[in-house]
């Protein structure tokens, strides 16, 4: 069992940057594929970014226009999301998720961006961006 805990959320002003972190307990994240999603009030869950275990391939939602960067530190057992140029529409609860590695899959983009593919989820951290 993997338990994920997000941290780093908070209230910021438009244009600010913020970094989120996701840590796991119960098992190392070293080989897991990791993703970040968010859910804004009244909206569906939205894919943001993902990073594969091993090779560290990254995927991003096109709508982010390069503002967010995902990274992982396997030595520390964390996955991070750096968010720049935040906008009020980025206000949401942000979730990290883990997908068990499959030795027969190279984890292509359709899989990485699909929330249903992920096996474990954190409880979420609130990010509020004011104008």
C-alpha atoms as a PDB file:
ATOM      1  CA  UNK A   1       0.000   0.000   0.000  1.00  0.00           C
ATOM      2  CA  UNK A   2       1.260   3.460  -0.920  1.00  0.00           C
ATOM      3  CA  UNK A   3       0.103   6.542   0.946  1.00  0.00           C
ATOM      4  CA  UNK A   4       0.724   9.864  -0.730  1.00  0.00           C
ATOM      5  CA  UNK A   5       0.829  13.202   1.024  1.00  0.00           C
ATOM      6  CA  UNK A   6       0.912  16.519  -0.812  1.00  0.00           C
ATOM      7  CA  UNK A   7       2.337  19.681   0.691  1.00  0.00           C
ATOM      8  CA  UNK A   8       3.137  23.211  -0.354  1.00  0.00           C
ATOM      9  CA  UNK A   9      -0.285  24.538  -1.163  1.00  0.00           C
ATOM     10  CA  UNK A  10      -1.440  27.938  -0.036  1.00  0.00           C
ATOM     11  CA  UNK A  11      -2.776  31.322  -1.026  1.00  0.00           C
ATOM     12  CA  UNK A  12      -0.773  33.437  -3.465  1.00  0.00           C
ATOM     13  CA  UNK A  13      -1.205  36.396  -5.774  1.00  0.00           C
ATOM     14  CA  UNK A  14      -1.545  36.209  -9.535  1.00  0.00           C
ATOM     15  CA  UNK A  15       1.892  36.042 -11.125  1.00  0.00           C
ATOM     16  CA  UNK A  16       3.473  34.328  -8.135  1.00  0.00           C
ATOM     17  CA  UNK A  17       5.187  30.960  -8.137  1.00  0.00           C
ATOM     18  CA  UNK A  18       4.487  28.026  -5.887  1.00  0.00           C
ATOM     19  CA  UNK A  19       6.014  24.598  -5.422  1.00  0.00           C
ATOM     20  CA  UNK A  20       4.103  21.491  -4.445  1.00  0.00           C
ATOM     21  CA  UNK A  21       5.652  18.311  -3.165  1.00  0.00           C
ATOM     22  CA  UNK A  22       4.353  14.776  -2.873  1.00  0.00           C
ATOM     23  CA  UNK A  23       5.871  12.227  -0.531  1.00  0.00           C
ATOM     24  CA  UNK A  24       5.033   8.597  -0.029  1.00  0.00           C
ATOM     25  CA  UNK A  25       4.896   6.392   3.002  1.00  0.00           C
ATOM     26  CA  UNK A  26       4.693   2.661   3.015  1.00  0.00           C
ATOM     27  CA  UNK A  27       6.747   2.145  -0.109  1.00  0.00           C
ATOM     28  CA  UNK A  28       9.379   3.921  -2.151  1.00  0.00           C
ATOM     29  CA  UNK A  29       8.195   5.818  -5.220  1.00  0.00           C
ATOM     30  CA  UNK A  30      11.387   5.060  -7.074  1.00  0.00           C
ATOM     31  CA  UNK A  31       9.881   2.994  -9.895  1.00  0.00           C
ATOM     32  CA  UNK A  32       6.365   4.382  -9.834  1.00  0.00           C
ATOM     33  CA  UNK A  33       5.012   6.637 -12.518  1.00  0.00           C
ATOM     34  CA  UNK A  34       3.739   9.835 -10.925  1.00  0.00           C
ATOM     35  CA  UNK A  35       1.216  12.417 -11.949  1.00  0.00           C
ATOM     36  CA  UNK A  36      -0.301  15.694 -10.787  1.00  0.00           C
ATOM     37  CA  UNK A  37      -3.947  16.523 -11.272  1.00  0.00           C
ATOM     38  CA  UNK A  38      -6.248  19.218  -9.994  1.00  0.00           C
ATOM     39  CA  UNK A  39      -9.943  19.791  -9.465  1.00  0.00           C
ATOM     40  CA  UNK A  40     -11.347  23.284  -9.475  1.00  0.00           C
ATOM     41  CA  UNK A  41     -14.739  24.046  -7.930  1.00  0.00           C
ATOM     42  CA  UNK A  42     -17.515  22.888 -10.229  1.00  0.00           C
ATOM     43  CA  UNK A  43     -15.092  21.347 -12.719  1.00  0.00           C
ATOM     44  CA  UNK A  44     -13.859  17.881 -13.545  1.00  0.00           C
ATOM     45  CA  UNK A  45     -10.496  16.561 -12.477  1.00  0.00           C
ATOM     46  CA  UNK A  46      -7.808  17.820 -14.835  1.00  0.00           C
ATOM     47  CA  UNK A  47      -4.461  16.294 -15.786  1.00  0.00           C
ATOM     48  CA  UNK A  48      -1.485  18.606 -15.311  1.00  0.00           C
ATOM     49  CA  UNK A  49       1.806  16.767 -15.531  1.00  0.00           C
ATOM     50  CA  UNK A  50       3.326  13.316 -15.205  1.00  0.00           C
ATOM     51  CA  UNK A  51       6.755  11.777 -14.927  1.00  0.00           C
ATOM     52  CA  UNK A  52       7.662   8.168 -15.513  1.00  0.00           C
ATOM     53  CA  UNK A  53       9.644   5.975 -13.186  1.00  0.00           C
ATOM     54  CA  UNK A  54      13.103   5.027 -14.376  1.00  0.00           C
ATOM     55  CA  UNK A  55      13.644   7.134 -17.502  1.00  0.00           C
ATOM     56  CA  UNK A  56      11.850  10.177 -16.095  1.00  0.00           C
ATOM     57  CA  UNK A  57       9.883  10.931 -19.244  1.00  0.00           C
ATOM     58  CA  UNK A  58       7.561  13.879 -18.715  1.00  0.00           C
ATOM     59  CA  UNK A  59       4.149  14.794 -20.045  1.00  0.00           C
ATOM     60  CA  UNK A  60       2.273  18.056 -19.656  1.00  0.00           C
ATOM     61  CA  UNK A  61      -1.164  19.363 -20.352  1.00  0.00           C
ATOM     62  CA  UNK A  62      -0.987  21.608 -23.400  1.00  0.00           C
ATOM     63  CA  UNK A  63      -3.114  24.243 -21.681  1.00  0.00           C
ATOM     64  CA  UNK A  64      -0.376  24.920 -19.118  1.00  0.00           C
ATOM     65  CA  UNK A  65       1.763  26.584 -21.811  1.00  0.00           C
ATOM     66  CA  UNK A  66       4.987  25.662 -20.054  1.00  0.00           C
ATOM     67  CA  UNK A  67       4.162  27.287 -16.720  1.00  0.00           C
ATOM     68  CA  UNK A  68       4.426  24.078 -14.666  1.00  0.00           C
ATOM     69  CA  UNK A  69       7.387  21.741 -14.269  1.00  0.00           C
ATOM     70  CA  UNK A  70       7.307  18.267 -12.770  1.00  0.00           C
ATOM     71  CA  UNK A  71      10.368  16.637 -11.273  1.00  0.00           C
ATOM     72  CA  UNK A  72      11.220  13.783  -8.987  1.00  0.00           C
ATOM     73  CA  UNK A  73      13.890  13.163  -6.394  1.00  0.00           C
ATOM     74  CA  UNK A  74      14.044   9.443  -5.874  1.00  0.00           C
ATOM     75  CA  UNK A  75      16.685   9.798  -3.177  1.00  0.00           C
ATOM     76  CA  UNK A  76      14.241  11.827  -1.110  1.00  0.00           C
ATOM     77  CA  UNK A  77      11.203   9.922  -2.324  1.00  0.00           C
ATOM     78  CA  UNK A  78       9.394  13.023  -3.535  1.00  0.00           C
ATOM     79  CA  UNK A  79       7.740  14.265  -6.678  1.00  0.00           C
ATOM     80  CA  UNK A  80       7.478  18.004  -7.141  1.00  0.00           C
ATOM     81  CA  UNK A  81       5.429  20.419  -9.186  1.00  0.00           C
ATOM     82  CA  UNK A  82       6.816  23.903  -9.710  1.00  0.00           C
ATOM     83  CA  UNK A  83       4.147  26.344 -10.798  1.00  0.00           C
ATOM     84  CA  UNK A  84       5.042  29.730 -12.277  1.00  0.00           C
ATOM     85  CA  UNK A  85       2.985  32.701 -13.405  1.00  0.00           C
ATOM     86  CA  UNK A  86      -0.026  31.523 -11.460  1.00  0.00           C
ATOM     87  CA  UNK A  87      -3.446  32.748 -12.493  1.00  0.00           C
ATOM     88  CA  UNK A  88      -6.736  32.916 -10.595  1.00  0.00           C
ATOM     89  CA  UNK A  89      -8.002  30.077 -12.785  1.00  0.00           C
ATOM     90  CA  UNK A  90      -5.286  27.860 -11.287  1.00  0.00           C
ATOM     91  CA  UNK A  91      -7.231  27.869  -8.043  1.00  0.00           C
ATOM     92  CA  UNK A  92      -8.022  24.250  -7.255  1.00  0.00           C
ATOM     93  CA  UNK A  93      -7.237  21.292  -5.071  1.00  0.00           C
ATOM     94  CA  UNK A  94      -4.065  19.683  -6.378  1.00  0.00           C
ATOM     95  CA  UNK A  95      -3.532  15.934  -6.158  1.00  0.00           C
ATOM     96  CA  UNK A  96      -0.572  13.708  -6.773  1.00  0.00           C
ATOM     97  CA  UNK A  97      -1.064  10.155  -7.913  1.00  0.00           C
ATOM     98  CA  UNK A  98       1.052   7.051  -8.402  1.00  0.00           C
ATOM     99  CA  UNK A  99       0.791   4.392 -11.078  1.00  0.00           C
ATOM    100  CA  UNK A 100       2.394   1.004 -10.474  1.00  0.00           C
ATOM    101  CA  UNK A 101       5.049   0.267 -13.087  1.00  0.00           C
ATOM    102  CA  UNK A 102       4.199  -2.286 -15.748  1.00  0.00           C
ATOM    103  CA  UNK A 103       7.246  -4.042 -17.226  1.00  0.00           C
ATOM    104  CA  UNK A 104       5.327  -4.577 -20.470  1.00  0.00           C
ATOM    105  CA  UNK A 105       4.419  -0.936 -20.978  1.00  0.00           C
ATOM    106  CA  UNK A 106       6.532   2.136 -21.728  1.00  0.00           C
ATOM    107  CA  UNK A 107       3.800   4.298 -20.178  1.00  0.00           C
ATOM    108  CA  UNK A 108       2.754   6.286 -23.215  1.00  0.00           C
ATOM    109  CA  UNK A 109       1.020   9.662 -23.011  1.00  0.00           C
ATOM    110  CA  UNK A 110      -2.550   8.315 -23.225  1.00  0.00           C
ATOM    111  CA  UNK A 111      -1.862   6.250 -20.129  1.00  0.00           C
ATOM    112  CA  UNK A 112       0.044   8.929 -18.269  1.00  0.00           C
ATOM    113  CA  UNK A 113      -2.702  11.501 -18.722  1.00  0.00           C
ATOM    114  CA  UNK A 114      -5.574   9.198 -17.761  1.00  0.00           C
ATOM    115  CA  UNK A 115      -6.549   9.525 -14.104  1.00  0.00           C
ATOM    116  CA  UNK A 116      -8.204   6.097 -14.168  1.00  0.00           C
ATOM    117  CA  UNK A 117      -4.803   4.498 -14.747  1.00  0.00           C
ATOM    118  CA  UNK A 118      -3.424   5.620 -11.390  1.00  0.00           C
ATOM    119  CA  UNK A 119      -3.511   3.306  -8.416  1.00  0.00           C
ATOM    120  CA  UNK A 120      -2.887   5.638  -5.478  1.00  0.00           C
ATOM    121  CA  UNK A 121      -3.936   9.188  -4.708  1.00  0.00           C
ATOM    122  CA  UNK A 122      -3.081  11.768  -2.108  1.00  0.00           C
ATOM    123  CA  UNK A 123      -5.656  13.722  -0.157  1.00  0.00           C
ATOM    124  CA  UNK A 124      -4.956  16.928  -2.053  1.00  0.00           C
ATOM    125  CA  UNK A 125      -3.634  20.361  -1.206  1.00  0.00           C
ATOM    126  CA  UNK A 126      -5.464  23.620  -1.815  1.00  0.00           C
ATOM    127  CA  UNK A 127      -3.966  26.292  -4.035  1.00  0.00           C
ATOM    128  CA  UNK A 128      -5.742  29.633  -4.132  1.00  0.00           C
ATOM    129  CA  UNK A 129      -4.632  32.372  -6.516  1.00  0.00           C
ATOM    130  CA  UNK A 130      -6.089  35.826  -6.068  1.00  0.00           C
ATOM    131  CA  UNK A 131      -6.044  38.595  -8.645  1.00  0.00           C
END
